[in-house]
Amino acid sequence: MKLMPVSAKCLLSILLIFSFAVTTGFVLPPSDSVKKNASMKSENCPKPGKLVYPGKNAENEIQAALPELIREAYGEDPRYKEWEVKRIISLKDPKSSPYSNIAIHQCGKRTANRSFLVELFFPQFLPSASLSQGQIFVAKTKDGWTVWFRYH
């Protein structure tokens, strides 16, 4: 049996790693983009000075504001005119995880603690399980309820 020189083994190893990366689509992101994305905040975060602490009637207020909030988040597509609320939950509530973590990452803890997740169902998009689901993050400001993040 003939032994391979070390340089040939190294070349073969590099080729195997490269072929694995190409066939699986696995690539490491540039380290600069990882740092940049880790510190990204949502451009639509409400200004902290405009936030209003939501009261006990927050869910009812959100329900009343939903036609405008849905138009704000999803646009004028007529298929969004028919919707059902699956749940409205305070992002301060421990049951809201992992959404509360998303809110904290996007806009900080103060905004997250004063925001709500609204989970929606849009029957006009059936049979698509993905398109028929919606999640928006809303907060009450001095100007009223606003959508600051559309998750889905």
C-alpha atoms as a PDB file:
ATOM      1  CA  MET A   1       0.000   0.000   0.000  1.00  0.00           C
ATOM      2  CA  LYS A   2       1.369   3.374  -1.045  1.00  0.00           C
ATOM      3  CA  LEU A   3       1.225   6.257   1.492  1.00  0.00           C
ATOM      4  CA  MET A   4      -0.109   9.676   0.492  1.00  0.00           C
ATOM      5  CA  PRO A   5       2.115  12.685   1.079  1.00  0.00           C
ATOM      6  CA  VAL A   6       0.940  15.127   3.787  1.00  0.00           C
ATOM      7  CA  SER A   7       0.212  17.869   1.230  1.00  0.00           C
ATOM      8  CA  ALA A   8      -2.121  15.513  -0.667  1.00  0.00           C
ATOM      9  CA  LYS A   9      -3.949  14.641   2.582  1.00  0.00           C
ATOM     10  CA  CYS A  10      -4.418  18.335   3.368  1.00  0.00           C
ATOM     11  CA  LEU A  11      -5.722  19.027  -0.140  1.00  0.00           C
ATOM     12  CA  LEU A  12      -8.098  16.076   0.079  1.00  0.00           C
ATOM     13  CA  SER A  13      -9.388  17.311   3.484  1.00  0.00           C
ATOM     14  CA  ILE A  14     -10.002  20.791   2.107  1.00  0.00           C
ATOM     15  CA  LEU A  15     -11.843  19.377  -0.897  1.00  0.00           C
ATOM     16  CA  LEU A  16     -14.034  17.199   1.345  1.00  0.00           C
ATOM     17  CA  ILE A  17     -14.935  20.159   3.570  1.00  0.00           C
ATOM     18  CA  PHE A  18     -15.666  22.338   0.551  1.00  0.00           C
ATOM     19  CA  SER A  19     -17.850  19.670  -1.078  1.00  0.00           C
ATOM     20  CA  PHE A  20     -19.766  19.232   2.215  1.00  0.00           C
ATOM     21  CA  ALA A  21     -20.389  22.979   2.401  1.00  0.00           C
ATOM     22  CA  VAL A  22     -21.546  23.152  -1.218  1.00  0.00           C
ATOM     23  CA  THR A  23     -23.865  20.140  -1.052  1.00  0.00           C
ATOM     24  CA  THR A  24     -25.470  21.076   2.269  1.00  0.00           C
ATOM     25  CA  GLY A  25     -25.537  24.831   1.760  1.00  0.00           C
ATOM     26  CA  PHE A  26     -23.651  25.248   5.043  1.00  0.00           C
ATOM     27  CA  VAL A  27     -21.601  28.419   5.206  1.00  0.00           C
ATOM     28  CA  LEU A  28     -20.413  30.510   8.074  1.00  0.00           C
ATOM     29  CA  PRO A  29     -21.616  34.112   7.946  1.00  0.00           C
ATOM     30  CA  PRO A  30     -18.953  36.795   7.984  1.00  0.00           C
ATOM     31  CA  SER A  31     -18.204  37.737  11.575  1.00  0.00           C
ATOM     32  CA  ASP A  32     -19.027  41.399  10.873  1.00  0.00           C
ATOM     33  CA  SER A  33     -22.608  40.552   9.862  1.00  0.00           C
ATOM     34  CA  VAL A  34     -23.130  38.458  13.012  1.00  0.00           C
ATOM     35  CA  LYS A  35     -22.140  41.397  15.205  1.00  0.00           C
ATOM     36  CA  LYS A  36     -24.214  43.805  13.115  1.00  0.00           C
ATOM     37  CA  ASN A  37     -27.379  41.640  13.244  1.00  0.00           C
ATOM     38  CA  ALA A  38     -27.005  40.990  16.969  1.00  0.00           C
ATOM     39  CA  SER A  39     -27.335  44.694  17.692  1.00  0.00           C
ATOM     40  CA  MET A  40     -30.115  45.476  15.182  1.00  0.00           C
ATOM     41  CA  LYS A  41     -33.244  47.077  16.563  1.00  0.00           C
ATOM     42  CA  SER A  42     -36.592  47.466  14.872  1.00  0.00           C
ATOM     43  CA  GLU A  43     -36.923  50.779  13.062  1.00  0.00           C
ATOM     44  CA  ASN A  44     -40.554  50.958  14.165  1.00  0.00           C
ATOM     45  CA  CYS A  45     -39.990  50.862  17.926  1.00  0.00           C
ATOM     46  CA  PRO A  46     -42.221  53.370  19.682  1.00  0.00           C
ATOM     47  CA  LYS A  47     -40.306  56.232  21.221  1.00  0.00           C
ATOM     48  CA  PRO A  48     -40.021  55.593  24.978  1.00  0.00           C
ATOM     49  CA  GLY A  49     -41.382  59.063  25.768  1.00  0.00           C
ATOM     50  CA  LYS A  50     -44.553  58.347  23.758  1.00  0.00           C
ATOM     51  CA  LEU A  51     -45.339  54.999  25.413  1.00  0.00           C
ATOM     52  CA  VAL A  52     -48.420  54.888  27.612  1.00  0.00           C
ATOM     53  CA  TYR A  53     -48.819  52.200  30.242  1.00  0.00           C
ATOM     54  CA  PRO A  54     -51.711  49.989  29.048  1.00  0.00           C
ATOM     55  CA  GLY A  55     -54.564  49.772  31.525  1.00  0.00           C
ATOM     56  CA  LYS A  56     -56.922  46.957  32.466  1.00  0.00           C
ATOM     57  CA  ASN A  57     -59.004  47.543  29.329  1.00  0.00           C
ATOM     58  CA  ALA A  58     -56.026  47.061  27.000  1.00  0.00           C
ATOM     59  CA  GLU A  59     -57.405  43.916  25.339  1.00  0.00           C
ATOM     60  CA  ASN A  60     -60.757  45.583  24.619  1.00  0.00           C
ATOM     61  CA  GLU A  61     -58.992  48.677  23.281  1.00  0.00           C
ATOM     62  CA  ILE A  62     -56.808  46.525  21.018  1.00  0.00           C
ATOM     63  CA  GLN A  63     -59.890  44.649  19.748  1.00  0.00           C
ATOM     64  CA  ALA A  64     -61.545  47.980  18.904  1.00  0.00           C
ATOM     65  CA  ALA A  65     -58.401  49.238  17.131  1.00  0.00           C
ATOM     66  CA  LEU A  66     -57.736  46.012  15.193  1.00  0.00           C
ATOM     67  CA  PRO A  67     -59.262  47.036  11.848  1.00  0.00           C
ATOM     68  CA  GLU A  68     -56.809  49.940  11.628  1.00  0.00           C
ATOM     69  CA  LEU A  69     -53.906  47.978  13.154  1.00  0.00           C
ATOM     70  CA  ILE A  70     -54.361  45.143  10.638  1.00  0.00           C
ATOM     71  CA  ARG A  71     -54.485  47.633   7.760  1.00  0.00           C
ATOM     72  CA  GLU A  72     -51.327  49.271   9.157  1.00  0.00           C
ATOM     73  CA  ALA A  73     -49.486  45.945   9.404  1.00  0.00           C
ATOM     74  CA  TYR A  74     -50.780  44.053   6.362  1.00  0.00           C
ATOM     75  CA  GLY A  75     -51.877  46.700   3.889  1.00  0.00           C
ATOM     76  CA  GLU A  76     -55.021  46.912   1.759  1.00  0.00           C
ATOM     77  CA  ASP A  77     -55.175  43.321   0.441  1.00  0.00           C
ATOM     78  CA  PRO A  78     -58.901  42.422   0.693  1.00  0.00           C
ATOM     79  CA  ARG A  79     -58.055  38.939   2.027  1.00  0.00           C
ATOM     80  CA  TYR A  80     -56.987  40.603   5.296  1.00  0.00           C
ATOM     81  CA  LYS A  81     -60.434  42.149   5.813  1.00  0.00           C
ATOM     82  CA  GLU A  82     -61.747  38.916   7.352  1.00  0.00           C
ATOM     83  CA  TRP A  83     -59.877  37.863  10.467  1.00  0.00           C
ATOM     84  CA  GLU A  84     -60.218  36.180  13.838  1.00  0.00           C
ATOM     85  CA  VAL A  85     -58.250  36.900  16.992  1.00  0.00           C
ATOM     86  CA  LYS A  86     -56.650  33.751  18.360  1.00  0.00           C
ATOM     87  CA  ARG A  87     -55.244  35.473  21.449  1.00  0.00           C
ATOM     88  CA  ILE A  88     -54.030  38.769  22.810  1.00  0.00           C
ATOM     89  CA  ILE A  89     -51.335  38.427  25.432  1.00  0.00           C
ATOM     90  CA  SER A  90     -49.221  40.928  27.314  1.00  0.00           C
ATOM     91  CA  LEU A  91     -45.541  40.518  26.492  1.00  0.00           C
ATOM     92  CA  LYS A  92     -44.930  41.084  30.194  1.00  0.00           C
ATOM     93  CA  ASP A  93     -46.710  37.758  30.863  1.00  0.00           C
ATOM     94  CA  PRO A  94     -44.281  34.808  31.281  1.00  0.00           C
ATOM     95  CA  LYS A  95     -46.534  32.746  28.949  1.00  0.00           C
ATOM     96  CA  SER A  96     -45.653  35.098  26.093  1.00  0.00           C
ATOM     97  CA  SER A  97     -42.152  33.656  25.723  1.00  0.00           C
ATOM     98  CA  PRO A  98     -40.467  33.386  23.171  1.00  0.00           C
ATOM     99  CA  TYR A  99     -42.273  36.447  21.787  1.00  0.00           C
ATOM    100  CA  SER A 100     -41.288  38.555  24.796  1.00  0.00           C
ATOM    101  CA  ASN A 101     -37.631  37.797  24.047  1.00  0.00           C
ATOM    102  CA  ILE A 102     -38.119  38.924  20.457  1.00  0.00           C
ATOM    103  CA  ALA A 103     -39.681  42.160  21.699  1.00  0.00           C
ATOM    104  CA  ILE A 104     -36.853  42.782  24.157  1.00  0.00           C
ATOM    105  CA  HIS A 105     -34.302  42.200  21.395  1.00  0.00           C
ATOM    106  CA  GLN A 106     -36.158  44.474  18.967  1.00  0.00           C
ATOM    107  CA  CYS A 107     -37.074  47.424  21.183  1.00  0.00           C
ATOM    108  CA  GLY A 108     -35.817  46.855  24.714  1.00  0.00           C
ATOM    109  CA  LYS A 109     -37.403  45.681  27.953  1.00  0.00           C
ATOM    110  CA  ARG A 110     -39.438  48.820  28.660  1.00  0.00           C
ATOM    111  CA  THR A 111     -41.237  48.641  25.318  1.00  0.00           C
ATOM    112  CA  ALA A 112     -41.655  44.852  25.598  1.00  0.00           C
ATOM    113  CA  ASN A 113     -43.248  45.171  29.041  1.00  0.00           C
ATOM    114  CA  ARG A 114     -45.796  47.642  27.678  1.00  0.00           C
ATOM    115  CA  SER A 115     -46.592  45.716  24.507  1.00  0.00           C
ATOM    116  CA  PHE A 116     -48.982  42.968  23.487  1.00  0.00           C
ATOM    117  CA  LEU A 117     -48.790  40.100  21.042  1.00  0.00           C
ATOM    118  CA  VAL A 118     -51.883  39.733  18.866  1.00  0.00           C
ATOM    119  CA  GLU A 119     -52.204  36.361  17.150  1.00  0.00           C
ATOM    120  CA  LEU A 120     -54.526  36.418  14.152  1.00  0.00           C
ATOM    121  CA  PHE A 121     -56.125  33.982  11.733  1.00  0.00           C
ATOM    122  CA  PHE A 122     -56.974  35.033   8.156  1.00  0.00           C
ATOM    123  CA  PRO A 123     -59.367  32.418   6.699  1.00  0.00           C
ATOM    124  CA  GLN A 124     -59.218  33.900   3.177  1.00  0.00           C
ATOM    125  CA  PHE A 125     -55.640  32.606   2.919  1.00  0.00           C
ATOM    126  CA  LEU A 126     -56.570  28.972   3.533  1.00  0.00           C
ATOM    127  CA  PRO A 127     -55.449  26.327   2.714  1.00  0.00           C
ATOM    128  CA  SER A 128     -52.053  27.935   3.384  1.00  0.00           C
ATOM    129  CA  ALA A 129     -51.248  27.338   7.045  1.00  0.00           C
ATOM    130  CA  SER A 130     -48.515  29.962   6.924  1.00  0.00           C
ATOM    131  CA  LEU A 131     -50.303  32.792   5.130  1.00  0.00           C
ATOM    132  CA  SER A 132     -53.441  32.356   7.224  1.00  0.00           C
ATOM    133  CA  GLN A 133     -51.548  33.071  10.462  1.00  0.00           C
ATOM    134  CA  GLY A 134     -50.464  36.474  11.720  1.00  0.00           C
ATOM    135  CA  GLN A 135     -48.644  37.868  14.727  1.00  0.00           C
ATOM    136  CA  ILE A 136     -48.240  41.558  15.421  1.00  0.00           C
ATOM    137  CA  PHE A 137     -46.670  43.400  18.331  1.00  0.00           C
ATOM    138  CA  VAL A 138     -48.648  46.437  19.445  1.00  0.00           C
ATOM    139  CA  ALA A 139     -48.119  49.145  22.040  1.00  0.00           C
ATOM    140  CA  LYS A 140     -50.166  52.040  23.306  1.00  0.00           C
ATOM    141  CA  THR A 141     -48.678  55.462  22.686  1.00  0.00           C
ATOM    142  CA  LYS A 142     -49.933  58.975  23.288  1.00  0.00           C
ATOM    143  CA  ASP A 143     -51.317  58.765  19.728  1.00  0.00           C
ATOM    144  CA  GLY A 144     -53.190  55.501  20.389  1.00  0.00           C
ATOM    145  CA  TRP A 145     -52.419  51.856  19.645  1.00  0.00           C
ATOM    146  CA  THR A 146     -49.740  51.170  17.054  1.00  0.00           C
ATOM    147  CA  VAL A 147     -48.131  48.152  15.418  1.00  0.00           C
ATOM    148  CA  TRP A 148     -44.402  48.308  15.904  1.00  0.00           C
ATOM    149  CA  PHE A 149     -43.474  44.849  14.620  1.00  0.00           C
ATOM    150  CA  ARG A 150     -45.098  42.322  12.305  1.00  0.00           C
ATOM    151  CA  TYR A 151     -43.648  38.935  13.150  1.00  0.00           C
ATOM    152  CA  HIS A 152     -45.757  36.927  10.720  1.00  0.00           C
END
